[in-house]
Structures are given as structure tokens and as C-alpha cells.
C-alpha atoms as a PDB file:
ATOM      1  CA  UNK A   1      -2.404   3.420  21.901  1.00  0.00           C
ATOM      2  CA  UNK A   2      -5.285   4.465  19.635  1.00  0.00           C
ATOM      3  CA  UNK A   3      -6.865   2.382  16.948  1.00  0.00           C
ATOM      4  CA  UNK A   4      -4.621   3.851  14.165  1.00  0.00           C
ATOM      5  CA  UNK A   5      -1.398   2.883  16.046  1.00  0.00           C
ATOM      6  CA  UNK A   6      -2.648  -0.636  16.402  1.00  0.00           C
ATOM      7  CA  UNK A   7      -3.251  -0.641  12.770  1.00  0.00           C
ATOM      8  CA  UNK A   8       0.262   0.721  12.011  1.00  0.00           C
ATOM      9  CA  UNK A   9       1.647  -2.026  14.112  1.00  0.00           C
ATOM     10  CA  UNK A  10      -0.346  -4.560  11.991  1.00  0.00           C
ATOM     11  CA  UNK A  11       1.065  -3.065   8.867  1.00  0.00           C
ATOM     12  CA  UNK A  12       4.570  -3.164  10.071  1.00  0.00           C
ATOM     13  CA  UNK A  13       4.240  -6.790  11.114  1.00  0.00           C
ATOM     14  CA  UNK A  14       2.896  -7.621   7.582  1.00  0.00           C
ATOM     15  CA  UNK A  15       5.835  -5.694   6.089  1.00  0.00           C
ATOM     16  CA  UNK A  16       8.404  -7.730   8.156  1.00  0.00           C
ATOM     17  CA  UNK A  17       6.801 -11.111   8.257  1.00  0.00           C
ATOM     18  CA  UNK A  18       4.916 -11.436   4.857  1.00  0.00           C
ATOM     19  CA  UNK A  19       6.966  -9.067   2.658  1.00  0.00           C
ATOM     20  CA  UNK A  20      10.402  -9.441   4.017  1.00  0.00           C
ATOM     21  CA  UNK A  21      10.869  -5.702   4.442  1.00  0.00           C
ATOM     22  CA  UNK A  22      11.975  -3.662   7.538  1.00  0.00           C
ATOM     23  CA  UNK A  23       9.546  -0.782   7.521  1.00  0.00           C
ATOM     24  CA  UNK A  24      10.437   2.805   7.791  1.00  0.00           C
ATOM     25  CA  UNK A  25       7.817   3.416  10.578  1.00  0.00           C
ATOM     26  CA  UNK A  26       7.782   7.209   9.886  1.00  0.00           C
ATOM     27  CA  UNK A  27       6.935   6.778   6.200  1.00  0.00           C
ATOM     28  CA  UNK A  28       4.510   3.962   7.106  1.00  0.00           C
ATOM     29  CA  UNK A  29       2.757   6.283   9.516  1.00  0.00           C
ATOM     30  CA  UNK A  30       2.471   9.040   6.901  1.00  0.00           C
ATOM     31  CA  UNK A  31       1.182   6.601   4.214  1.00  0.00           C
ATOM     32  CA  UNK A  32      -1.379   5.183   6.673  1.00  0.00           C
ATOM     33  CA  UNK A  33      -2.565   8.736   7.608  1.00  0.00           C
ATOM     34  CA  UNK A  34      -2.792   9.403   3.737  1.00  0.00           C
ATOM     35  CA  UNK A  35      -5.257   6.601   3.381  1.00  0.00           C
ATOM     36  CA  UNK A  36      -7.706   8.495   5.516  1.00  0.00           C
ATOM     37  CA  UNK A  37     -10.647   6.844   7.134  1.00  0.00           C
ATOM     38  CA  UNK A  38     -10.458   4.041   4.627  1.00  0.00           C
ATOM     39  CA  UNK A  39      -8.110   2.151   7.065  1.00  0.00           C
ATOM     40  CA  UNK A  40     -11.154   1.785   9.440  1.00  0.00           C
ATOM     41  CA  UNK A  41     -13.477   0.150   6.866  1.00  0.00           C
ATOM     42  CA  UNK A  42     -13.146  -3.572   6.520  1.00  0.00           C
ATOM     43  CA  UNK A  43     -13.721  -3.579   2.769  1.00  0.00           C
ATOM     44  CA  UNK A  44     -11.725  -0.299   1.817  1.00  0.00           C
ATOM     45  CA  UNK A  45      -8.724  -1.045   4.190  1.00  0.00           C
ATOM     46  CA  UNK A  46      -7.700  -3.993   1.872  1.00  0.00           C
ATOM     47  CA  UNK A  47      -6.857  -4.276  -1.855  1.00  0.00           C
ATOM     48  CA  UNK A  48      -8.685  -7.005  -3.614  1.00  0.00           C
ATOM     49  CA  UNK A  49      -5.853  -7.992  -5.717  1.00  0.00           C
ATOM     50  CA  UNK A  50      -7.785 -10.518  -7.883  1.00  0.00           C
ATOM     51  CA  UNK A  51     -10.041  -7.754  -9.092  1.00  0.00           C
ATOM     52  CA  UNK A  52      -8.644  -5.927 -12.198  1.00  0.00           C
ATOM     53  CA  UNK A  53     -10.847  -2.850 -11.440  1.00  0.00           C
ATOM     54  CA  UNK A  54      -9.416  -2.586  -7.951  1.00  0.00           C
ATOM     55  CA  UNK A  55      -5.863  -2.622  -9.392  1.00  0.00           C
ATOM     56  CA  UNK A  56      -6.775  -0.035 -11.873  1.00  0.00           C
ATOM     57  CA  UNK A  57      -8.144   2.137  -8.923  1.00  0.00           C
ATOM     58  CA  UNK A  58      -4.805   1.726  -7.081  1.00  0.00           C
ATOM     59  CA  UNK A  59      -3.056   2.881 -10.230  1.00  0.00           C
ATOM     60  CA  UNK A  60      -5.195   5.654 -10.989  1.00  0.00           C
ATOM     61  CA  UNK A  61      -5.962   7.106  -7.749  1.00  0.00           C
ATOM     62  CA  UNK A  62      -2.618   6.369  -5.986  1.00  0.00           C
ATOM     63  CA  UNK A  63       0.190   6.073  -8.363  1.00  0.00           C
ATOM     64  CA  UNK A  64      -0.916   8.764 -10.920  1.00  0.00           C
ATOM     65  CA  UNK A  65      -2.853  11.186  -8.659  1.00  0.00           C
ATOM     66  CA  UNK A  66      -1.102  10.837  -5.417  1.00  0.00           C
ATOM     67  CA  UNK A  67       2.465  10.070  -6.422  1.00  0.00           C
ATOM     68  CA  UNK A  68       2.225  12.037  -9.582  1.00  0.00           C
ATOM     69  CA  UNK A  69       3.636   9.076 -11.927  1.00  0.00           C
ATOM     70  CA  UNK A  70       2.842   8.952 -15.765  1.00  0.00           C
ATOM     71  CA  UNK A  71       0.703   6.200 -16.752  1.00  0.00           C
ATOM     72  CA  UNK A  72       2.433   3.334 -18.559  1.00  0.00           C
ATOM     73  CA  UNK A  73       2.848  -0.510 -18.348  1.00  0.00           C
ATOM     74  CA  UNK A  74       5.412  -0.219 -15.527  1.00  0.00           C
ATOM     75  CA  UNK A  75       2.723   0.957 -13.080  1.00  0.00           C
ATOM     76  CA  UNK A  76       0.739  -2.274 -13.359  1.00  0.00           C
ATOM     77  CA  UNK A  77       4.066  -4.343 -13.376  1.00  0.00           C
ATOM     78  CA  UNK A  78       4.894  -2.590 -10.106  1.00  0.00           C
ATOM     79  CA  UNK A  79       1.384  -3.254  -8.623  1.00  0.00           C
ATOM     80  CA  UNK A  80       1.707  -6.983  -9.575  1.00  0.00           C
ATOM     81  CA  UNK A  81       5.223  -7.198  -8.167  1.00  0.00           C
ATOM     82  CA  UNK A  82       3.936  -5.814  -4.853  1.00  0.00           C
ATOM     83  CA  UNK A  83       0.989  -8.160  -4.844  1.00  0.00           C
ATOM     84  CA  UNK A  84       3.568 -11.053  -5.583  1.00  0.00           C
ATOM     85  CA  UNK A  85       5.778  -9.895  -2.722  1.00  0.00           C
ATOM     86  CA  UNK A  86       2.720  -9.735  -0.216  1.00  0.00           C
ATOM     87  CA  UNK A  87       1.707 -13.126  -1.281  1.00  0.00           C
ATOM     88  CA  UNK A  88      -1.023 -13.847  -3.956  1.00  0.00           C
ATOM     89  CA  UNK A  89      -2.581 -16.271  -1.462  1.00  0.00           C
ATOM     90  CA  UNK A  90      -2.615 -13.691   1.266  1.00  0.00           C
ATOM     91  CA  UNK A  91      -6.357 -12.957   1.691  1.00  0.00           C
ATOM     92  CA  UNK A  92      -6.075  -9.473   3.464  1.00  0.00           C
ATOM     93  CA  UNK A  93      -3.689  -7.151   1.462  1.00  0.00           C
ATOM     94  CA  UNK A  94      -3.786  -4.051   3.562  1.00  0.00           C
ATOM     95  CA  UNK A  95      -4.081  -0.857   1.352  1.00  0.00           C
ATOM     96  CA  UNK A  96      -1.617   1.044   3.549  1.00  0.00           C
ATOM     97  CA  UNK A  97       0.903  -1.780   3.181  1.00  0.00           C
ATOM     98  CA  UNK A  98       0.462  -1.977  -0.612  1.00  0.00           C
ATOM     99  CA  UNK A  99       0.761   1.821  -1.021  1.00  0.00           C
ATOM    100  CA  UNK A 100       3.826   1.841   1.290  1.00  0.00           C
ATOM    101  CA  UNK A 101       5.479  -0.683  -0.920  1.00  0.00           C
ATOM    102  CA  UNK A 102       4.539   1.211  -3.994  1.00  0.00           C
ATOM    103  CA  UNK A 103       5.899   4.373  -2.648  1.00  0.00           C
ATOM    104  CA  UNK A 104       9.181   2.647  -1.876  1.00  0.00           C
ATOM    105  CA  UNK A 105       9.341   0.900  -5.394  1.00  0.00           C
ATOM    106  CA  UNK A 106       9.097   4.216  -7.204  1.00  0.00           C
ATOM    107  CA  UNK A 107      11.294   6.167  -4.596  1.00  0.00           C
ATOM    108  CA  UNK A 108       8.501   8.649  -4.125  1.00  0.00           C
ATOM    109  CA  UNK A 109       9.002   9.018  -0.258  1.00  0.00           C
ATOM    110  CA  UNK A 110       9.328  12.789  -0.887  1.00  0.00           C
ATOM    111  CA  UNK A 111       5.628  12.914  -1.696  1.00  0.00           C
ATOM    112  CA  UNK A 112       5.023  12.318   2.143  1.00  0.00           C
ATOM    113  CA  UNK A 113       7.881  14.602   3.130  1.00  0.00           C
END
């Protein structure tokens, strides 16, 4: 298995054990690939959920640009609910896991079709 496969396994484990979700491995793989080289960078691979600027980046670059959603208060509410589900005290919130959960939340799996 390659490094990406190892990371996908880690993300699946987080979804099961920390978020209480049974991951769709095909979608999780596509979301992970969509994150590009960021998954290999220690800083870029995680979402600093305590930083407002980081959450704005997730909203603008992922929800609006990637998923094609219209800006509105529900976007930040969704991000906050995902952070809550992952566990506020969880230090490493992997970007691919957060993006996966947001994709599922908005029913935008077709973006990765």
C-alpha cells in the first residue's frame, strides 16, 4: 500500500471511531485525491478549527468553489457542526475527513462522480 492508501485508512478510522460514521470508501478516496498534495503536508493536511481564518478558507475554497454552494450562514453552521462531530478537543482534524463530512452533509457526492 502507498502513503495515500495509508492516509485513507487513517481517515476512515477517524470517521468510524471519532465521528460515528460508516465511511463510503469510494467517496472518501475521491475526496482525498481532491485534496491534492496537501494531505502529505503536516500543516495543510489538518484544519485548525479554532482559527476563524481557517474556517473561512474551508468555506470559500471548498464549499463555495469546489461544491458550488451559495454563500450563506448555513455554510458556517455546517462547518461548525462537522467540527463538533469530529470533537472540538480533537487536535488533528484531517482536512479530507472534514471535506468528506461536508460533502455528505450537503449531499454533494455528485461533485466527485
